[in-house]
Amino acid sequence: MMMDQNFSGKSAWVQLYEARHVVEPVSTRLPGRPPAPIPRQKVGITLSQAEIHELELWQEKLSTLLRRKISVGETVGILARICSNRVERIAENKEITDLSDLVEKMVGIE
């Protein structure tokens, strides 16, 4: 896979998402599906209708910002990394007592 200079200085996980969309030069290959440039693993989750709706809204918002359709996996990955960063910031200064407390601190309700 050819990587261009656009990847330098970007966070590793952003580079992974962008690498999935790098155009490879046309070459002769064996029949069948080509291997993915970034290994991915299919997972199953159970979501409520409200959670599905929220995820679809985020997918649409992020797709609009990027001016391309992004996958549900990319959406979940981006949101998970944002949440990880936010949890690290709130955990440094505050004690979390329960799920409700965690959610309130993550969304800024105090």
N, C-alpha and C. Protein backbone atom coordinates (compact mmCIF):
# COMPACT_ATOMS: atom_id res chain seq x y z
N MET A 1 0.84 -1.17 0.00
CA MET A 1 0.00 0.00 0.00
C MET A 1 0.89 1.23 0.00
N MET A 2 0.56 2.19 -0.82
CA MET A 2 1.35 3.41 -0.89
C MET A 2 0.77 4.44 0.06
N MET A 3 1.61 5.01 0.91
CA MET A 3 1.18 6.05 1.83
C MET A 3 1.78 7.36 1.35
N ASP A 4 0.98 8.42 1.26
CA ASP A 4 1.53 9.68 0.82
C ASP A 4 1.82 10.57 2.02
N GLN A 5 2.33 11.74 1.77
CA GLN A 5 2.76 12.64 2.82
C GLN A 5 1.59 13.23 3.61
N ASN A 6 0.35 13.06 3.15
CA ASN A 6 -0.81 13.61 3.86
C ASN A 6 -1.01 12.97 5.22
N PHE A 7 -0.41 11.81 5.48
CA PHE A 7 -0.63 11.11 6.74
C PHE A 7 0.28 11.63 7.85
N SER A 8 1.36 12.30 7.53
CA SER A 8 2.29 12.73 8.56
C SER A 8 1.64 13.77 9.46
N GLY A 9 1.89 13.64 10.77
CA GLY A 9 1.36 14.59 11.72
C GLY A 9 -0.07 14.33 12.17
N LYS A 10 -0.71 13.29 11.67
CA LYS A 10 -2.08 12.98 12.06
C LYS A 10 -2.07 11.87 13.10
N SER A 11 -3.10 11.85 13.92
CA SER A 11 -3.18 10.79 14.93
C SER A 11 -3.28 9.43 14.25
N ALA A 12 -2.78 8.41 14.92
CA ALA A 12 -2.70 7.07 14.33
C ALA A 12 -4.07 6.55 13.92
N TRP A 13 -5.08 6.76 14.75
CA TRP A 13 -6.39 6.21 14.40
C TRP A 13 -7.02 6.94 13.22
N VAL A 14 -6.73 8.23 13.04
CA VAL A 14 -7.22 8.95 11.86
C VAL A 14 -6.52 8.40 10.62
N GLN A 15 -5.22 8.11 10.73
CA GLN A 15 -4.49 7.54 9.62
C GLN A 15 -5.07 6.19 9.21
N LEU A 16 -5.49 5.39 10.20
CA LEU A 16 -6.10 4.09 9.88
C LEU A 16 -7.38 4.25 9.08
N TYR A 17 -8.25 5.19 9.49
CA TYR A 17 -9.49 5.40 8.74
C TYR A 17 -9.19 5.92 7.34
N GLU A 18 -8.24 6.83 7.22
CA GLU A 18 -7.92 7.38 5.91
C GLU A 18 -7.25 6.33 5.03
N ALA A 19 -6.47 5.43 5.61
CA ALA A 19 -5.80 4.39 4.84
C ALA A 19 -6.79 3.46 4.17
N ARG A 20 -7.96 3.30 4.77
CA ARG A 20 -8.98 2.45 4.17
C ARG A 20 -9.48 3.01 2.85
N HIS A 21 -9.24 4.31 2.60
CA HIS A 21 -9.77 4.95 1.40
C HIS A 21 -8.67 5.37 0.43
N VAL A 22 -7.45 4.92 0.65
CA VAL A 22 -6.35 5.20 -0.27
C VAL A 22 -6.57 4.38 -1.54
N VAL A 23 -6.45 5.05 -2.67
CA VAL A 23 -6.63 4.37 -3.95
C VAL A 23 -5.34 3.63 -4.30
N GLU A 24 -5.46 2.34 -4.48
CA GLU A 24 -4.32 1.48 -4.85
C GLU A 24 -4.16 1.49 -6.36
N PRO A 25 -2.94 1.44 -6.87
CA PRO A 25 -2.76 1.31 -8.32
C PRO A 25 -3.34 -0.02 -8.80
N VAL A 26 -3.90 -0.01 -10.00
CA VAL A 26 -4.49 -1.21 -10.58
C VAL A 26 -3.37 -2.21 -10.89
N SER A 27 -3.56 -3.44 -10.42
CA SER A 27 -2.57 -4.48 -10.69
C SER A 27 -3.29 -5.81 -10.89
N THR A 28 -2.59 -6.75 -11.48
CA THR A 28 -3.15 -8.07 -11.67
C THR A 28 -3.16 -8.78 -10.32
N ARG A 29 -4.29 -9.39 -9.98
CA ARG A 29 -4.38 -10.09 -8.70
C ARG A 29 -5.18 -11.36 -8.88
N LEU A 30 -5.14 -12.17 -7.87
CA LEU A 30 -5.91 -13.41 -7.89
C LEU A 30 -7.39 -13.10 -7.77
N PRO A 31 -8.26 -13.99 -8.27
CA PRO A 31 -9.70 -13.74 -8.15
C PRO A 31 -10.13 -13.79 -6.67
N GLY A 32 -11.23 -13.13 -6.40
CA GLY A 32 -11.75 -13.11 -5.03
C GLY A 32 -11.61 -11.73 -4.42
N ARG A 33 -12.11 -11.63 -3.22
CA ARG A 33 -12.07 -10.35 -2.51
C ARG A 33 -10.64 -10.06 -2.05
N PRO A 34 -10.14 -8.83 -2.32
CA PRO A 34 -8.79 -8.51 -1.88
C PRO A 34 -8.74 -8.33 -0.35
N PRO A 35 -7.59 -8.57 0.24
CA PRO A 35 -7.49 -8.39 1.68
C PRO A 35 -7.65 -6.92 2.05
N ALA A 36 -8.25 -6.66 3.20
CA ALA A 36 -8.42 -5.29 3.67
C ALA A 36 -7.07 -4.72 4.10
N PRO A 37 -6.82 -3.45 3.78
CA PRO A 37 -5.55 -2.86 4.19
C PRO A 37 -5.42 -2.74 5.71
N ILE A 38 -6.55 -2.59 6.39
CA ILE A 38 -6.58 -2.50 7.85
C ILE A 38 -7.44 -3.66 8.34
N PRO A 39 -6.88 -4.56 9.16
CA PRO A 39 -7.69 -5.69 9.65
C PRO A 39 -8.89 -5.18 10.46
N ARG A 40 -10.05 -5.72 10.16
CA ARG A 40 -11.29 -5.35 10.85
C ARG A 40 -11.93 -6.62 11.37
N GLN A 41 -12.72 -6.48 12.42
CA GLN A 41 -13.39 -7.64 13.00
C GLN A 41 -14.87 -7.33 13.12
N LYS A 42 -15.69 -8.22 12.59
CA LYS A 42 -17.14 -8.04 12.68
C LYS A 42 -17.59 -8.41 14.09
N VAL A 43 -18.44 -7.57 14.67
CA VAL A 43 -18.96 -7.82 16.01
C VAL A 43 -20.47 -7.66 15.99
N GLY A 44 -21.13 -8.28 16.91
CA GLY A 44 -22.57 -8.15 17.04
C GLY A 44 -22.91 -7.41 18.32
N ILE A 45 -23.84 -6.46 18.24
CA ILE A 45 -24.27 -5.73 19.42
C ILE A 45 -25.79 -5.63 19.42
N THR A 46 -26.34 -5.41 20.58
CA THR A 46 -27.78 -5.23 20.72
C THR A 46 -28.03 -3.79 21.13
N LEU A 47 -28.81 -3.08 20.32
CA LEU A 47 -29.10 -1.68 20.58
C LEU A 47 -30.60 -1.45 20.62
N SER A 48 -31.02 -0.46 21.40
CA SER A 48 -32.43 -0.06 21.40
C SER A 48 -32.69 0.77 20.15
N GLN A 49 -33.95 0.99 19.84
CA GLN A 49 -34.30 1.81 18.68
C GLN A 49 -33.76 3.22 18.85
N ALA A 50 -33.80 3.75 20.08
CA ALA A 50 -33.27 5.09 20.34
C ALA A 50 -31.77 5.14 20.10
N GLU A 51 -31.05 4.10 20.51
CA GLU A 51 -29.60 4.05 20.30
C GLU A 51 -29.27 3.94 18.82
N ILE A 52 -30.03 3.14 18.08
CA ILE A 52 -29.83 3.02 16.64
C ILE A 52 -30.06 4.35 15.96
N HIS A 53 -31.14 5.01 16.36
CA HIS A 53 -31.47 6.32 15.78
C HIS A 53 -30.34 7.32 16.05
N GLU A 54 -29.84 7.35 17.28
CA GLU A 54 -28.75 8.26 17.64
C GLU A 54 -27.49 7.96 16.81
N LEU A 55 -27.17 6.69 16.66
CA LEU A 55 -26.01 6.28 15.87
C LEU A 55 -26.18 6.70 14.41
N GLU A 56 -27.38 6.53 13.87
CA GLU A 56 -27.64 6.94 12.49
C GLU A 56 -27.50 8.45 12.32
N LEU A 57 -27.96 9.21 13.33
CA LEU A 57 -27.81 10.67 13.27
C LEU A 57 -26.34 11.07 13.24
N TRP A 58 -25.52 10.42 14.10
CA TRP A 58 -24.09 10.71 14.12
C TRP A 58 -23.43 10.32 12.81
N GLN A 59 -23.83 9.19 12.27
CA GLN A 59 -23.27 8.74 10.99
C GLN A 59 -23.56 9.78 9.91
N GLU A 60 -24.78 10.28 9.89
CA GLU A 60 -25.17 11.29 8.90
C GLU A 60 -24.39 12.59 9.11
N LYS A 61 -24.27 13.03 10.37
CA LYS A 61 -23.54 14.28 10.66
C LYS A 61 -22.08 14.16 10.25
N LEU A 62 -21.44 13.06 10.62
CA LEU A 62 -20.03 12.88 10.28
C LEU A 62 -19.84 12.73 8.77
N SER A 63 -20.76 12.04 8.11
CA SER A 63 -20.69 11.91 6.65
C SER A 63 -20.80 13.27 5.98
N THR A 64 -21.68 14.11 6.49
CA THR A 64 -21.85 15.46 5.94
C THR A 64 -20.57 16.27 6.12
N LEU A 65 -19.98 16.19 7.31
CA LEU A 65 -18.74 16.93 7.57
C LEU A 65 -17.60 16.46 6.67
N LEU A 66 -17.53 15.15 6.41
CA LEU A 66 -16.45 14.60 5.60
C LEU A 66 -16.76 14.63 4.10
N ARG A 67 -18.00 14.94 3.76
CA ARG A 67 -18.46 14.95 2.37
C ARG A 67 -18.30 13.60 1.69
N ARG A 68 -18.48 12.54 2.48
CA ARG A 68 -18.50 11.17 1.94
C ARG A 68 -19.25 10.30 2.94
N LYS A 69 -19.80 9.22 2.47
CA LYS A 69 -20.52 8.29 3.34
C LYS A 69 -19.50 7.56 4.21
N ILE A 70 -19.71 7.57 5.51
CA ILE A 70 -18.85 6.79 6.39
C ILE A 70 -19.64 5.61 6.93
N SER A 71 -18.94 4.56 7.26
CA SER A 71 -19.60 3.34 7.72
C SER A 71 -20.01 3.47 9.18
N VAL A 72 -20.89 2.58 9.61
CA VAL A 72 -21.29 2.52 11.02
C VAL A 72 -20.06 2.21 11.87
N GLY A 73 -19.19 1.34 11.37
CA GLY A 73 -17.97 1.00 12.11
C GLY A 73 -17.08 2.21 12.32
N GLU A 74 -16.92 3.03 11.27
CA GLU A 74 -16.13 4.26 11.41
C GLU A 74 -16.78 5.20 12.41
N THR A 75 -18.11 5.31 12.33
CA THR A 75 -18.85 6.18 13.25
C THR A 75 -18.63 5.75 14.69
N VAL A 76 -18.81 4.46 14.96
CA VAL A 76 -18.63 3.93 16.31
C VAL A 76 -17.18 4.14 16.76
N GLY A 77 -16.22 3.89 15.88
CA GLY A 77 -14.81 4.07 16.22
C GLY A 77 -14.49 5.50 16.59
N ILE A 78 -14.98 6.45 15.81
CA ILE A 78 -14.74 7.87 16.09
C ILE A 78 -15.37 8.26 17.42
N LEU A 79 -16.63 7.88 17.62
CA LEU A 79 -17.32 8.23 18.87
C LEU A 79 -16.66 7.57 20.08
N ALA A 80 -16.20 6.33 19.93
CA ALA A 80 -15.53 5.65 21.03
C ALA A 80 -14.25 6.37 21.42
N ARG A 81 -13.50 6.82 20.43
CA ARG A 81 -12.24 7.52 20.73
C ARG A 81 -12.51 8.87 21.37
N ILE A 82 -13.55 9.57 20.92
CA ILE A 82 -13.93 10.83 21.55
C ILE A 82 -14.30 10.59 23.02
N CYS A 83 -15.09 9.54 23.25
CA CYS A 83 -15.49 9.20 24.63
C CYS A 83 -14.29 8.82 25.48
N SER A 84 -13.36 8.07 24.92
CA SER A 84 -12.16 7.69 25.68
C SER A 84 -11.39 8.91 26.13
N ASN A 85 -11.25 9.86 25.22
CA ASN A 85 -10.54 11.09 25.55
C ASN A 85 -11.28 11.87 26.64
N ARG A 86 -12.58 11.95 26.52
CA ARG A 86 -13.37 12.71 27.50
C ARG A 86 -13.33 12.03 28.86
N VAL A 87 -13.44 10.70 28.90
CA VAL A 87 -13.39 9.98 30.17
C VAL A 87 -12.05 10.21 30.86
N GLU A 88 -10.97 10.19 30.09
CA GLU A 88 -9.65 10.45 30.68
C GLU A 88 -9.61 11.83 31.33
N ARG A 89 -10.20 12.82 30.66
CA ARG A 89 -10.18 14.18 31.22
C ARG A 89 -11.02 14.31 32.48
N ILE A 90 -12.21 13.69 32.50
CA ILE A 90 -13.05 13.85 33.70
C ILE A 90 -12.58 12.98 34.84
N ALA A 91 -11.96 11.85 34.54
CA ALA A 91 -11.50 10.93 35.59
C ALA A 91 -10.31 11.52 36.34
N GLU A 92 -9.56 12.42 35.71
CA GLU A 92 -8.41 13.02 36.37
C GLU A 92 -8.81 13.86 37.57
N ASN A 93 -9.94 14.54 37.48
CA ASN A 93 -10.31 15.52 38.50
C ASN A 93 -11.53 15.14 39.33
N LYS A 94 -12.27 14.12 38.92
CA LYS A 94 -13.55 13.85 39.58
C LYS A 94 -13.72 12.38 39.86
N GLU A 95 -14.37 12.11 40.97
CA GLU A 95 -14.70 10.73 41.31
C GLU A 95 -16.05 10.40 40.69
N ILE A 96 -16.12 9.27 40.03
CA ILE A 96 -17.36 8.81 39.39
C ILE A 96 -18.04 7.85 40.36
N THR A 97 -19.33 8.09 40.63
CA THR A 97 -20.04 7.26 41.61
C THR A 97 -20.92 6.19 40.99
N ASP A 98 -21.52 6.47 39.81
CA ASP A 98 -22.38 5.49 39.15
C ASP A 98 -22.55 5.87 37.68
N LEU A 99 -23.31 5.08 36.94
CA LEU A 99 -23.49 5.30 35.51
C LEU A 99 -24.10 6.67 35.22
N SER A 100 -25.11 7.04 36.00
CA SER A 100 -25.77 8.33 35.80
C SER A 100 -24.77 9.47 36.01
N ASP A 101 -23.95 9.36 37.04
CA ASP A 101 -22.93 10.36 37.33
C ASP A 101 -21.92 10.45 36.17
N LEU A 102 -21.51 9.30 35.67
CA LEU A 102 -20.57 9.26 34.54
C LEU A 102 -21.14 9.97 33.33
N VAL A 103 -22.38 9.65 32.97
CA VAL A 103 -23.02 10.25 31.79
C VAL A 103 -23.15 11.76 31.99
N GLU A 104 -23.58 12.18 33.16
CA GLU A 104 -23.75 13.62 33.42
C GLU A 104 -22.41 14.36 33.27
N LYS A 105 -21.35 13.78 33.79
CA LYS A 105 -20.04 14.43 33.69
C LYS A 105 -19.52 14.40 32.25
N MET A 106 -19.83 13.36 31.50
CA MET A 106 -19.35 13.29 30.12
C MET A 106 -20.05 14.30 29.21
N VAL A 107 -21.33 14.56 29.46
CA VAL A 107 -22.06 15.51 28.61
C VAL A 107 -22.06 16.92 29.17
N GLY A 108 -21.42 17.10 30.32
CA GLY A 108 -21.24 18.44 30.86
C GLY A 108 -22.36 18.94 31.77
N ILE A 109 -23.22 18.06 32.24
CA ILE A 109 -24.27 18.45 33.18
C ILE A 109 -23.70 18.36 34.58
N GLU A 110 -23.70 19.46 35.30
CA GLU A 110 -23.15 19.44 36.67
C GLU A 110 -24.11 20.07 37.62
